[in-house]
Protein backbone atom coordinates (compact mmCIF):
# COMPACT_ATOMS: atom_id res chain seq x y z
CA MET A 1 -1.46 -19.87 15.97
CA ASP A 2 -3.34 -22.34 14.29
CA TRP A 3 -4.07 -22.24 10.68
CA SER A 4 -7.02 -19.94 10.75
CA GLU A 5 -5.98 -17.61 12.73
CA PHE A 6 -3.00 -17.48 10.23
CA GLU A 7 -5.77 -17.43 7.26
CA LEU A 8 -7.55 -14.62 8.72
CA LEU A 9 -4.74 -12.31 9.09
CA PHE A 10 -3.26 -13.35 6.25
CA LEU A 11 -6.04 -12.38 4.42
CA GLN A 12 -6.60 -8.88 5.94
CA ARG A 13 -2.92 -7.94 5.66
CA PHE A 14 -3.08 -9.56 1.42
CA GLN A 15 -6.56 -9.05 0.69
CA PRO A 16 -7.35 -6.02 -2.26
CA ILE A 17 -9.60 -3.08 -1.29
CA PRO A 18 -12.93 -3.37 -2.90
CA LEU A 19 -13.09 -0.80 -5.33
CA GLY A 20 -16.31 0.71 -3.55
CA GLN A 21 -13.97 1.45 -0.84
CA ILE A 22 -11.62 3.17 -3.01
CA ASN A 23 -14.00 5.50 -4.71
CA TYR A 24 -15.29 6.19 -1.30
CA LEU A 25 -12.04 7.50 0.00
CA LYS A 26 -11.66 9.40 -3.58
CA THR A 27 -15.00 10.89 -2.84
CA LYS A 28 -14.01 12.40 0.33
CA ASP A 29 -10.72 13.88 -1.01
CA TRP A 30 -12.70 15.41 -4.11
CA LYS A 31 -12.74 19.16 -4.12
CA GLN A 32 -13.61 21.42 -6.73
CA THR A 33 -10.72 22.82 -9.00
CA GLY A 34 -12.65 23.72 -12.34
CA SER A 35 -16.08 23.96 -13.43
CA LEU A 36 -19.00 22.95 -10.99
CA GLU A 37 -20.31 20.79 -14.18
CA THR A 38 -16.66 18.94 -14.00
CA TYR A 39 -16.86 18.90 -10.35
CA ILE A 40 -20.56 17.48 -10.22
CA ASN A 41 -20.22 15.04 -12.97
CA GLY A 42 -16.94 13.64 -11.83
CA PHE A 43 -18.37 13.31 -8.12
CA LEU A 44 -21.61 11.35 -9.19
CA ALA A 45 -19.49 8.77 -11.26
CA MET A 46 -17.15 8.26 -7.84
CA ALA A 47 -20.10 8.15 -5.71
CA ALA A 48 -22.05 5.46 -8.05
CA ALA A 49 -19.58 3.10 -7.92
CA VAL A 50 -19.90 3.20 -3.80
CA PRO A 51 -22.58 0.78 -2.59
CA TYR A 52 -25.77 2.83 -0.60
CA SER A 53 -24.43 0.35 2.82
CA LEU A 54 -20.83 2.58 2.59
CA PHE A 55 -22.05 5.62 1.65
CA PRO A 56 -25.66 6.30 2.37
CA GLU A 57 -27.52 9.25 0.80
CA GLU A 58 -27.28 11.72 3.81
CA ALA A 59 -23.31 11.15 3.66
CA ARG A 60 -23.18 11.83 0.25
CA ALA A 61 -25.11 14.81 0.02
CA LEU A 62 -22.73 16.05 2.78
CA THR A 63 -19.69 14.88 1.10
CA PHE A 64 -20.61 16.52 -1.57
CA ILE A 65 -21.60 20.58 -0.03
CA LEU A 66 -18.46 20.11 2.28
């Protein structure tokens, strides 16, 4: 293994997960447990932190209603 391969594998293993990806995963697990207003506000707050390239509008709508 040369240095560039090692560097690539090292970064893939130890690089922090971007906040956008973390919030995307949180929206997938978001469930309504309280009021509808709390659910909507929480979902919108998390979705706002996710780039549209990772979570397009159509996916946001489907995730919200499911």
